[in-house]
PDB file of all heavy atoms in Angstrom:
ATOM      1  N   CYS A   1     -20.248  21.165 -21.726  1.00  0.00           N
ATOM      2  CA  CYS A   1     -19.500  20.649 -20.651  1.00  0.00           C
ATOM      3  C   CYS A   1     -20.097  21.195 -19.339  1.00  0.00           C
ATOM      4  O   CYS A   1     -20.224  20.446 -18.303  1.00  0.00           O
ATOM      5  CB  CYS A   1     -18.064  20.914 -20.693  1.00  0.00           C
ATOM      6  SG  CYS A   1     -17.160  19.974 -21.977  1.00  0.00           S
ATOM      7  N   ALA A   2     -20.408  22.455 -19.378  1.00  0.00           N
ATOM      8  CA  ALA A   2     -20.903  23.139 -18.126  1.00  0.00           C
ATOM      9  C   ALA A   2     -22.310  22.509 -17.792  1.00  0.00           C
ATOM     10  O   ALA A   2     -22.660  22.349 -16.663  1.00  0.00           O
ATOM     11  CB  ALA A   2     -20.979  24.600 -18.375  1.00  0.00           C
ATOM     12  N   ALA A   3     -23.174  22.374 -18.832  1.00  0.00           N
ATOM     13  CA  ALA A   3     -24.512  21.759 -18.573  1.00  0.00           C
ATOM     14  C   ALA A   3     -24.445  20.388 -18.137  1.00  0.00           C
ATOM     15  O   ALA A   3     -25.303  19.932 -17.368  1.00  0.00           O
ATOM     16  CB  ALA A   3     -25.273  21.900 -19.893  1.00  0.00           C
ATOM     17  N   ALA A   4     -23.352  19.636 -18.544  1.00  0.00           N
ATOM     18  CA  ALA A   4     -23.287  18.204 -18.166  1.00  0.00           C
ATOM     19  C   ALA A   4     -22.770  18.013 -16.738  1.00  0.00           C
ATOM     20  O   ALA A   4     -22.847  16.929 -16.171  1.00  0.00           O
ATOM     21  CB  ALA A   4     -22.410  17.515 -19.150  1.00  0.00           C
ATOM     22  N   LEU A   5     -22.245  19.071 -16.092  1.00  0.00           N
ATOM     23  CA  LEU A   5     -21.728  18.938 -14.774  1.00  0.00           C
ATOM     24  C   LEU A   5     -22.782  18.847 -13.740  1.00  0.00           C
ATOM     25  O   LEU A   5     -23.587  19.784 -13.498  1.00  0.00           O
ATOM     26  CB  LEU A   5     -20.825  20.198 -14.388  1.00  0.00           C
ATOM     27  CG  LEU A   5     -20.027  20.147 -13.079  1.00  0.00           C
ATOM     28  CD1 LEU A   5     -18.976  18.997 -13.202  1.00  0.00           C
ATOM     29  CD2 LEU A   5     -19.315  21.475 -12.893  1.00  0.00           C
ATOM     30  N   THR A   6     -22.910  17.686 -13.135  1.00  0.00           N
ATOM     31  CA  THR A   6     -23.985  17.409 -12.146  1.00  0.00           C
ATOM     32  C   THR A   6     -23.600  17.995 -10.810  1.00  0.00           C
ATOM     33  O   THR A   6     -22.395  18.122 -10.507  1.00  0.00           O
ATOM     34  CB  THR A   6     -24.253  15.920 -12.063  1.00  0.00           C
ATOM     35  OG1 THR A   6     -23.178  15.318 -11.457  1.00  0.00           O
ATOM     36  CG2 THR A   6     -24.549  15.328 -13.469  1.00  0.00           C
ATOM     37  N   PRO A   7     -24.542  18.125  -9.863  1.00  0.00           N
ATOM     38  CA  PRO A   7     -24.201  18.605  -8.571  1.00  0.00           C
ATOM     39  C   PRO A   7     -23.317  17.615  -7.865  1.00  0.00           C
ATOM     40  O   PRO A   7     -22.430  17.962  -7.057  1.00  0.00           O
ATOM     41  CB  PRO A   7     -25.578  18.674  -7.873  1.00  0.00           C
ATOM     42  CG  PRO A   7     -26.523  19.017  -8.990  1.00  0.00           C
ATOM     43  CD  PRO A   7     -26.012  18.183 -10.188  1.00  0.00           C
ATOM     44  N   ALA A   8     -23.494  16.305  -8.051  1.00  0.00           N
ATOM     45  CA  ALA A   8     -22.637  15.287  -7.463  1.00  0.00           C
ATOM     46  C   ALA A   8     -21.206  15.455  -7.903  1.00  0.00           C
ATOM     47  O   ALA A   8     -20.280  15.296  -7.093  1.00  0.00           O
ATOM     48  CB  ALA A   8     -23.158  13.926  -7.813  1.00  0.00           C
ATOM     49  N   GLU A   9     -20.987  15.720  -9.227  1.00  0.00           N
ATOM     50  CA  GLU A   9     -19.699  15.896  -9.691  1.00  0.00           C
ATOM     51  C   GLU A   9     -19.038  17.168  -9.094  1.00  0.00           C
ATOM     52  O   GLU A   9     -17.841  17.238  -8.878  1.00  0.00           O
ATOM     53  CB  GLU A   9     -19.622  16.016 -11.206  1.00  0.00           C
ATOM     54  CG  GLU A   9     -19.973  14.651 -11.918  1.00  0.00           C
ATOM     55  CD  GLU A   9     -20.293  14.789 -13.398  1.00  0.00           C
ATOM     56  OE1 GLU A   9     -20.700  15.874 -13.826  1.00  0.00           O
ATOM     57  OE2 GLU A   9     -20.082  13.801 -14.178  1.00  0.00           O
ATOM     58  N   ALA A  10     -19.897  18.187  -9.028  1.00  0.00           N
ATOM     59  CA  ALA A  10     -19.340  19.434  -8.401  1.00  0.00           C
ATOM     60  C   ALA A  10     -18.876  19.244  -6.966  1.00  0.00           C
ATOM     61  O   ALA A  10     -18.063  19.994  -6.432  1.00  0.00           O
ATOM     62  CB  ALA A  10     -20.397  20.547  -8.479  1.00  0.00           C
ATOM     63  N   ARG A  11     -19.516  18.301  -6.274  1.00  0.00           N
ATOM     64  CA  ARG A  11     -19.127  18.013  -4.871  1.00  0.00           C
ATOM     65  C   ARG A  11     -17.962  17.151  -4.701  1.00  0.00           C
ATOM     66  O   ARG A  11     -17.480  16.913  -3.516  1.00  0.00           O
ATOM     67  CB  ARG A  11     -20.375  17.454  -4.114  1.00  0.00           C
ATOM     68  CG  ARG A  11     -21.530  18.405  -3.966  1.00  0.00           C
ATOM     69  CD  ARG A  11     -22.490  17.831  -2.913  1.00  0.00           C
ATOM     70  NE  ARG A  11     -23.045  16.547  -3.320  1.00  0.00           N
ATOM     71  CZ  ARG A  11     -24.246  16.498  -4.017  1.00  0.00           C
ATOM     72  NH1 ARG A  11     -24.843  17.537  -4.418  1.00  0.00           N
ATOM     73  NH2 ARG A  11     -24.693  15.284  -4.458  1.00  0.00           N
ATOM     74  N   GLU A  12     -17.487  16.501  -5.756  1.00  0.00           N
ATOM     75  CA  GLU A  12     -16.387  15.574  -5.584  1.00  0.00           C
ATOM     76  C   GLU A  12     -15.112  16.204  -4.996  1.00  0.00           C
ATOM     77  O   GLU A  12     -14.422  15.480  -4.261  1.00  0.00           O
ATOM     78  CB  GLU A  12     -16.058  14.947  -6.981  1.00  0.00           C
ATOM     79  CG  GLU A  12     -14.961  13.882  -6.919  1.00  0.00           C
ATOM     80  CD  GLU A  12     -15.177  12.658  -6.164  1.00  0.00           C
ATOM     81  OE1 GLU A  12     -16.311  12.474  -5.549  1.00  0.00           O
ATOM     82  OE2 GLU A  12     -14.222  11.917  -5.952  1.00  0.00           O
ATOM     83  N   ALA A  13     -14.771  17.346  -5.433  1.00  0.00           N
ATOM     84  CA  ALA A  13     -13.589  18.020  -4.894  1.00  0.00           C
ATOM     85  C   ALA A  13     -13.680  18.161  -3.409  1.00  0.00           C
ATOM     86  O   ALA A  13     -12.756  17.929  -2.640  1.00  0.00           O
ATOM     87  CB  ALA A  13     -13.370  19.440  -5.495  1.00  0.00           C
ATOM     88  N   LYS A  14     -14.854  18.599  -2.898  1.00  0.00           N
ATOM     89  CA  LYS A  14     -15.065  18.779  -1.364  1.00  0.00           C
ATOM     90  C   LYS A  14     -15.106  17.400  -0.717  1.00  0.00           C
ATOM     91  O   LYS A  14     -14.450  17.231   0.425  1.00  0.00           O
ATOM     92  CB  LYS A  14     -16.370  19.462  -1.137  1.00  0.00           C
ATOM     93  CG  LYS A  14     -16.632  19.730   0.356  1.00  0.00           C
ATOM     94  CD  LYS A  14     -15.561  20.572   0.980  1.00  0.00           C
ATOM     95  CE  LYS A  14     -16.016  21.205   2.345  1.00  0.00           C
ATOM     96  NZ  LYS A  14     -16.333  20.153   3.297  1.00  0.00           N
ATOM     97  N   ARG A  15     -15.626  16.377  -1.334  1.00  0.00           N
ATOM     98  CA  ARG A  15     -15.688  15.047  -0.747  1.00  0.00           C
ATOM     99  C   ARG A  15     -14.200  14.494  -0.564  1.00  0.00           C
ATOM    100  O   ARG A  15     -13.851  13.993   0.459  1.00  0.00           O
ATOM    101  CB  ARG A  15     -16.420  14.053  -1.622  1.00  0.00           C
ATOM    102  CG  ARG A  15     -16.604  12.681  -1.035  1.00  0.00           C
ATOM    103  CD  ARG A  15     -16.870  11.613  -1.932  1.00  0.00           C
ATOM    104  NE  ARG A  15     -15.778  11.322  -2.857  1.00  0.00           N
ATOM    105  CZ  ARG A  15     -14.676  10.637  -2.516  1.00  0.00           C
ATOM    106  NH1 ARG A  15     -14.551  10.135  -1.346  1.00  0.00           N
ATOM    107  NH2 ARG A  15     -13.713  10.429  -3.379  1.00  0.00           N
ATOM    108  N   ARG A  16     -13.414  14.743  -1.639  1.00  0.00           N
ATOM    109  CA  ARG A  16     -11.984  14.219  -1.538  1.00  0.00           C
ATOM    110  C   ARG A  16     -11.165  15.040  -0.499  1.00  0.00           C
ATOM    111  O   ARG A  16     -10.326  14.541   0.177  1.00  0.00           O
ATOM    112  CB  ARG A  16     -11.302  14.301  -2.931  1.00  0.00           C
ATOM    113  CG  ARG A  16     -11.861  13.332  -3.926  1.00  0.00           C
ATOM    114  CD  ARG A  16     -11.002  13.164  -5.081  1.00  0.00           C
ATOM    115  NE  ARG A  16     -11.608  12.297  -6.188  1.00  0.00           N
ATOM    116  CZ  ARG A  16     -10.911  11.812  -7.175  1.00  0.00           C
ATOM    117  NH1 ARG A  16      -9.660  12.173  -7.353  1.00  0.00           N
ATOM    118  NH2 ARG A  16     -11.519  11.017  -8.078  1.00  0.00           N
ATOM    119  N   TRP A  17     -11.467  16.349  -0.423  1.00  0.00           N
ATOM    120  CA  TRP A  17     -10.756  17.199   0.617  1.00  0.00           C
ATOM    121  C   TRP A  17     -11.120  16.714   1.991  1.00  0.00           C
ATOM    122  O   TRP A  17     -10.251  16.525   2.789  1.00  0.00           O
ATOM    123  CB  TRP A  17     -11.122  18.671   0.441  1.00  0.00           C
ATOM    124  CG  TRP A  17     -10.644  19.486   1.516  1.00  0.00           C
ATOM    125  CD1 TRP A  17     -11.280  20.001   2.586  1.00  0.00           C
ATOM    126  CD2 TRP A  17      -9.207  19.791   1.753  1.00  0.00           C
ATOM    127  NE1 TRP A  17     -10.463  20.674   3.424  1.00  0.00           N
ATOM    128  CE2 TRP A  17      -9.194  20.581   2.958  1.00  0.00           C
ATOM    129  CE3 TRP A  17      -8.035  19.546   1.095  1.00  0.00           C
ATOM    130  CZ2 TRP A  17      -7.915  20.999   3.440  1.00  0.00           C
ATOM    131  CZ3 TRP A  17      -6.905  19.915   1.569  1.00  0.00           C
ATOM    132  CH2 TRP A  17      -6.838  20.690   2.793  1.00  0.00           C
ATOM    133  N   ASP A  18     -12.350  16.391   2.304  1.00  0.00           N
ATOM    134  CA  ASP A  18     -12.742  15.938   3.632  1.00  0.00           C
ATOM    135  C   ASP A  18     -12.094  14.630   3.866  1.00  0.00           C
ATOM    136  O   ASP A  18     -11.648  14.381   4.995  1.00  0.00           O
ATOM    137  CB  ASP A  18     -14.253  15.799   3.698  1.00  0.00           C
ATOM    138  CG  ASP A  18     -15.040  17.156   3.684  1.00  0.00           C
ATOM    139  OD1 ASP A  18     -14.347  18.195   3.988  1.00  0.00           O
ATOM    140  OD2 ASP A  18     -16.234  17.203   3.388  1.00  0.00           O
ATOM    141  N   GLU A  19     -12.043  13.697   2.901  1.00  0.00           N
ATOM    142  CA  GLU A  19     -11.418  12.468   3.084  1.00  0.00           C
ATOM    143  C   GLU A  19      -9.876  12.595   3.360  1.00  0.00           C
ATOM    144  O   GLU A  19      -9.356  12.006   4.279  1.00  0.00           O
ATOM    145  CB  GLU A  19     -11.544  11.608   1.805  1.00  0.00           C
ATOM    146  CG  GLU A  19     -10.980  10.249   1.926  1.00  0.00           C
ATOM    147  CD  GLU A  19     -11.127   9.465   0.638  1.00  0.00           C
ATOM    148  OE1 GLU A  19     -11.105  10.012  -0.440  1.00  0.00           O
ATOM    149  OE2 GLU A  19     -11.215   8.183   0.706  1.00  0.00           O
ATOM    150  N   LEU A  20      -9.191  13.470   2.610  1.00  0.00           N
ATOM    151  CA  LEU A  20      -7.836  13.725   2.809  1.00  0.00           C
ATOM    152  C   LEU A  20      -7.558  14.333   4.243  1.00  0.00           C
ATOM    153  O   LEU A  20      -6.614  13.988   4.917  1.00  0.00           O
ATOM    154  CB  LEU A  20      -7.248  14.621   1.746  1.00  0.00           C
ATOM    155  CG  LEU A  20      -5.802  14.991   1.826  1.00  0.00           C
ATOM    156  CD1 LEU A  20      -4.924  13.743   1.785  1.00  0.00           C
ATOM    157  CD2 LEU A  20      -5.420  15.930   0.621  1.00  0.00           C
ATOM    158  N   CYS A  21      -8.392  15.264   4.623  1.00  0.00           N
ATOM    159  CA  CYS A  21      -8.271  15.871   5.987  1.00  0.00           C
ATOM    160  C   CYS A  21      -8.373  14.814   7.085  1.00  0.00           C
ATOM    161  O   CYS A  21      -7.528  14.778   7.993  1.00  0.00           O
ATOM    162  CB  CYS A  21      -9.310  16.923   6.152  1.00  0.00           C
ATOM    163  SG  CYS A  21      -9.206  17.800   7.737  1.00  0.00           S
ATOM    164  N   GLN A  22      -9.280  13.852   6.884  1.00  0.00           N
ATOM    165  CA  GLN A  22      -9.471  12.754   7.964  1.00  0.00           C
ATOM    166  C   GLN A  22      -8.244  11.892   7.923  1.00  0.00           C
ATOM    167  O   GLN A  22      -7.739  11.435   8.973  1.00  0.00           O
ATOM    168  CB  GLN A  22     -10.716  11.977   7.644  1.00  0.00           C
ATOM    169  CG  GLN A  22     -11.016  11.044   8.747  1.00  0.00           C
ATOM    170  CD  GLN A  22     -11.360  11.748  10.073  1.00  0.00           C
ATOM    171  OE1 GLN A  22     -12.160  12.707  10.033  1.00  0.00           O
ATOM    172  NE2 GLN A  22     -10.696  11.363  11.132  1.00  0.00           N
ATOM    173  N   ILE A  23      -7.701  11.589   6.727  1.00  0.00           N
ATOM    174  CA  ILE A  23      -6.468  10.782   6.683  1.00  0.00           C
ATOM    175  C   ILE A  23      -5.312  11.449   7.392  1.00  0.00           C
ATOM    176  O   ILE A  23      -4.617  10.768   8.202  1.00  0.00           O
ATOM    177  CB  ILE A  23      -6.110  10.574   5.153  1.00  0.00           C
ATOM    178  CG1 ILE A  23      -7.069   9.515   4.547  1.00  0.00           C
ATOM    179  CG2 ILE A  23      -4.703  10.034   5.015  1.00  0.00           C
ATOM    180  CD1 ILE A  23      -6.935   9.442   3.011  1.00  0.00           C
ATOM    181  N   ARG A  24      -5.185  12.707   7.194  1.00  0.00           N
ATOM    182  CA  ARG A  24      -4.105  13.452   7.891  1.00  0.00           C
ATOM    183  C   ARG A  24      -4.267  13.463   9.389  1.00  0.00           C
ATOM    184  O   ARG A  24      -3.365  13.231  10.187  1.00  0.00           O
ATOM    185  CB  ARG A  24      -3.979  14.882   7.333  1.00  0.00           C
ATOM    186  CG  ARG A  24      -3.468  14.898   5.905  1.00  0.00           C
ATOM    187  CD  ARG A  24      -3.762  16.288   5.243  1.00  0.00           C
ATOM    188  NE  ARG A  24      -2.952  16.612   4.083  1.00  0.00           N
ATOM    189  CZ  ARG A  24      -3.288  17.474   3.220  1.00  0.00           C
ATOM    190  NH1 ARG A  24      -4.260  18.274   3.386  1.00  0.00           N
ATOM    191  NH2 ARG A  24      -2.424  17.684   2.205  1.00  0.00           N
ATOM    192  N   LYS A  25      -5.573  13.764   9.845  1.00  0.00           N
ATOM    193  CA  LYS A  25      -5.779  13.728  11.264  1.00  0.00           C
ATOM    194  C   LYS A  25      -5.506  12.399  11.988  1.00  0.00           C
ATOM    195  O   LYS A  25      -4.924  12.325  12.937  1.00  0.00           O
ATOM    196  CB  LYS A  25      -7.309  14.101  11.497  1.00  0.00           C
ATOM    197  CG  LYS A  25      -7.610  15.556  11.255  1.00  0.00           C
ATOM    198  CD  LYS A  25      -9.113  15.822  11.447  1.00  0.00           C
ATOM    199  CE  LYS A  25      -9.524  17.271  11.262  1.00  0.00           C
ATOM    200  NZ  LYS A  25     -10.953  17.475  11.415  1.00  0.00           N
ATOM    201  N   ASP A  26      -6.016  11.331  11.249  1.00  0.00           N
ATOM    202  CA  ASP A  26      -5.810   9.982  11.777  1.00  0.00           C
ATOM    203  C   ASP A  26      -4.316   9.676  11.860  1.00  0.00           C
ATOM    204  O   ASP A  26      -3.863   9.037  12.854  1.00  0.00           O
ATOM    205  CB  ASP A  26      -6.483   8.939  10.971  1.00  0.00           C
ATOM    206  CG  ASP A  26      -7.962   9.127  11.095  1.00  0.00           C
ATOM    207  OD1 ASP A  26      -8.494   9.826  12.022  1.00  0.00           O
ATOM    208  OD2 ASP A  26      -8.766   8.476  10.292  1.00  0.00           O
ATOM    209  N   LYS A  27      -3.502  10.047  10.876  1.00  0.00           N
ATOM    210  CA  LYS A  27      -2.113   9.746  10.844  1.00  0.00           C
ATOM    211  C   LYS A  27      -1.362  10.410  11.991  1.00  0.00           C
ATOM    212  O   LYS A  27      -0.578   9.779  12.707  1.00  0.00           O
ATOM    213  CB  LYS A  27      -1.448  10.271   9.455  1.00  0.00           C
ATOM    214  CG  LYS A  27       0.063  10.037   9.419  1.00  0.00           C
ATOM    215  CD  LYS A  27       0.423   8.647   9.163  1.00  0.00           C
ATOM    216  CE  LYS A  27       0.359   8.254   7.750  1.00  0.00           C
ATOM    217  NZ  LYS A  27       0.889   6.860   7.517  1.00  0.00           N
ATOM    218  N   LEU A  28      -1.650  11.706  12.215  1.00  0.00           N
ATOM    219  CA  LEU A  28      -1.012  12.400  13.299  1.00  0.00           C
ATOM    220  C   LEU A  28      -1.523  12.018  14.696  1.00  0.00           C
ATOM    221  O   LEU A  28      -0.787  12.025  15.705  1.00  0.00           O
ATOM    222  CB  LEU A  28      -1.249  13.931  13.129  1.00  0.00           C
ATOM    223  CG  LEU A  28      -0.576  14.499  11.873  1.00  0.00           C
ATOM    224  CD1 LEU A  28      -0.887  15.963  11.792  1.00  0.00           C
ATOM    225  CD2 LEU A  28       0.867  14.207  11.788  1.00  0.00           C
ATOM    226  N   ASP A  29      -2.822  11.615  14.820  1.00  0.00           N
ATOM    227  CA  ASP A  29      -3.387  11.191  16.053  1.00  0.00           C
ATOM    228  C   ASP A  29      -2.957   9.865  16.456  1.00  0.00           C
ATOM    229  O   ASP A  29      -2.622   9.555  17.660  1.00  0.00           O
ATOM    230  CB  ASP A  29      -4.849  11.224  16.077  1.00  0.00           C
ATOM    231  CG  ASP A  29      -5.416  12.636  16.062  1.00  0.00           C
ATOM    232  OD1 ASP A  29      -4.728  13.574  16.504  1.00  0.00           O
ATOM    233  OD2 ASP A  29      -6.629  12.836  15.768  1.00  0.00           O
ATOM    234  N   GLN A  30      -2.953   8.920  15.547  1.00  0.00           N
ATOM    235  CA  GLN A  30      -2.794   7.418  15.881  1.00  0.00           C
ATOM    236  C   GLN A  30      -1.448   6.896  15.544  1.00  0.00           C
ATOM    237  O   GLN A  30      -0.992   5.952  16.270  1.00  0.00           O
ATOM    238  CB  GLN A  30      -3.856   6.652  15.032  1.00  0.00           C
ATOM    239  CG  GLN A  30      -5.310   7.114  15.339  1.00  0.00           C
ATOM    240  CD  GLN A  30      -6.330   6.367  14.573  1.00  0.00           C
ATOM    241  OE1 GLN A  30      -6.176   5.242  14.203  1.00  0.00           O
ATOM    242  NE2 GLN A  30      -7.388   7.098  14.165  1.00  0.00           N
ATOM    243  N   ILE A  31      -0.766   7.309  14.582  1.00  0.00           N
ATOM    244  CA  ILE A  31       0.493   6.742  14.113  1.00  0.00           C
ATOM    245  C   ILE A  31       1.655   7.499  14.666  1.00  0.00           C
ATOM    246  O   ILE A  31       2.620   6.853  15.192  1.00  0.00           O
ATOM    247  CB  ILE A  31       0.581   6.704  12.541  1.00  0.00           C
ATOM    248  CG1 ILE A  31      -0.540   5.959  11.926  1.00  0.00           C
ATOM    249  CG2 ILE A  31       1.946   6.059  12.135  1.00  0.00           C
ATOM    250  CD1 ILE A  31      -0.688   4.483  12.348  1.00  0.00           C
ATOM    251  N   LEU A  32       1.721   8.789  14.667  1.00  0.00           N
ATOM    252  CA  LEU A  32       2.885   9.601  15.001  1.00  0.00           C
ATOM    253  C   LEU A  32       3.339   9.378  16.452  1.00  0.00           C
ATOM    254  O   LEU A  32       4.525   9.190  16.654  1.00  0.00           O
ATOM    255  CB  LEU A  32       2.633  11.058  14.769  1.00  0.00           C
ATOM    256  CG  LEU A  32       3.735  12.048  15.051  1.00  0.00           C
ATOM    257  CD1 LEU A  32       4.914  11.793  14.214  1.00  0.00           C
ATOM    258  CD2 LEU A  32       3.244  13.484  14.895  1.00  0.00           C
ATOM    259  N   PRO A  33       2.401   9.378  17.404  1.00  0.00           N
ATOM    260  CA  PRO A  33       2.891   9.171  18.855  1.00  0.00           C
ATOM    261  C   PRO A  33       3.698   7.905  19.055  1.00  0.00           C
ATOM    262  O   PRO A  33       4.790   7.959  19.607  1.00  0.00           O
ATOM    263  CB  PRO A  33       1.614   9.209  19.683  1.00  0.00           C
ATOM    264  CG  PRO A  33       0.612   9.930  18.875  1.00  0.00           C
ATOM    265  CD  PRO A  33       1.019   9.582  17.469  1.00  0.00           C
ATOM    266  N   GLN A  34       3.181   6.828  18.568  1.00  0.00           N
ATOM    267  CA  GLN A  34       3.984   5.570  18.786  1.00  0.00           C
ATOM    268  C   GLN A  34       5.237   5.512  18.037  1.00  0.00           C
ATOM    269  O   GLN A  34       6.282   5.119  18.467  1.00  0.00           O
ATOM    270  CB  GLN A  34       2.971   4.392  18.210  1.00  0.00           C
ATOM    271  CG  GLN A  34       3.644   3.002  18.449  1.00  0.00           C
ATOM    272  CD  GLN A  34       2.702   1.930  17.818  1.00  0.00           C
ATOM    273  OE1 GLN A  34       2.325   2.039  16.681  1.00  0.00           O
ATOM    274  NE2 GLN A  34       2.451   0.882  18.639  1.00  0.00           N
ATOM    275  N   ALA A  35       5.268   6.053  16.752  1.00  0.00           N
ATOM    276  CA  ALA A  35       6.498   6.033  16.045  1.00  0.00           C
ATOM    277  C   ALA A  35       7.577   6.890  16.685  1.00  0.00           C
ATOM    278  O   ALA A  35       8.743   6.572  16.690  1.00  0.00           O
ATOM    279  CB  ALA A  35       6.190   6.547  14.592  1.00  0.00           C
ATOM    280  N   MET A  36       7.155   8.104  17.176  1.00  0.00           N
ATOM    281  CA  MET A  36       8.192   8.971  17.800  1.00  0.00           C
ATOM    282  C   MET A  36       8.757   8.264  19.038  1.00  0.00           C
ATOM    283  O   MET A  36       9.997   8.330  19.344  1.00  0.00           O
ATOM    284  CB  MET A  36       7.579  10.342  18.142  1.00  0.00           C
ATOM    285  CG  MET A  36       7.293  11.217  16.966  1.00  0.00           C
ATOM    286  SD  MET A  36       6.695  12.862  17.391  1.00  0.00           S
ATOM    287  CE  MET A  36       8.117  13.589  18.328  1.00  0.00           C
ATOM    288  N   ARG A  37       7.887   7.676  19.771  1.00  0.00           N
ATOM    289  CA  ARG A  37       8.383   7.063  21.050  1.00  0.00           C
ATOM    290  C   ARG A  37       9.212   5.839  20.831  1.00  0.00           C
ATOM    291  O   ARG A  37      10.232   5.565  21.532  1.00  0.00           O
ATOM    292  CB  ARG A  37       7.198   6.780  22.015  1.00  0.00           C
ATOM    293  CG  ARG A  37       6.595   8.055  22.542  1.00  0.00           C
ATOM    294  CD  ARG A  37       5.160   7.948  23.069  1.00  0.00           C
ATOM    295  NE  ARG A  37       4.762   9.376  23.416  1.00  0.00           N
ATOM    296  CZ  ARG A  37       3.514   9.647  23.691  1.00  0.00           C
ATOM    297  NH1 ARG A  37       2.499   8.706  23.682  1.00  0.00           N
ATOM    298  NH2 ARG A  37       3.186  10.938  24.011  1.00  0.00           N
ATOM    299  N   GLU A  38       8.823   4.998  19.848  1.00  0.00           N
ATOM    300  CA  GLU A  38       9.641   3.823  19.448  1.00  0.00           C
ATOM    301  C   GLU A  38      11.022   4.264  19.024  1.00  0.00           C
ATOM    302  O   GLU A  38      12.006   3.507  19.296  1.00  0.00           O
ATOM    303  CB  GLU A  38       8.957   3.053  18.377  1.00  0.00           C
ATOM    304  CG  GLU A  38       7.803   2.169  18.846  1.00  0.00           C
ATOM    305  CD  GLU A  38       7.272   1.333  17.707  1.00  0.00           C
ATOM    306  OE1 GLU A  38       7.984   1.218  16.665  1.00  0.00           O
ATOM    307  OE2 GLU A  38       6.191   0.790  17.910  1.00  0.00           O
ATOM    308  N   ASN A  39      11.148   5.358  18.340  1.00  0.00           N
ATOM    309  CA  ASN A  39      12.394   5.814  17.819  1.00  0.00           C
ATOM    310  C   ASN A  39      13.186   6.747  18.779  1.00  0.00           C
ATOM    311  O   ASN A  39      14.300   7.236  18.346  1.00  0.00           O
ATOM    312  CB  ASN A  39      12.213   6.471  16.475  1.00  0.00           C
ATOM    313  CG  ASN A  39      11.893   5.473  15.382  1.00  0.00           C
ATOM    314  OD1 ASN A  39      12.781   4.838  14.833  1.00  0.00           O
ATOM    315  ND2 ASN A  39      10.629   5.294  15.020  1.00  0.00           N
TER     316      ASN A  39
END
């Protein structure tokens, strides 16, 4: 299993973390201000 782990597979956790971080940033930057003010 260790030998079969490719560099691309090893990077998947970091790729998903970066994606999730961007999702959170965009939510707070773009969605939150309008929602708070409307309510």
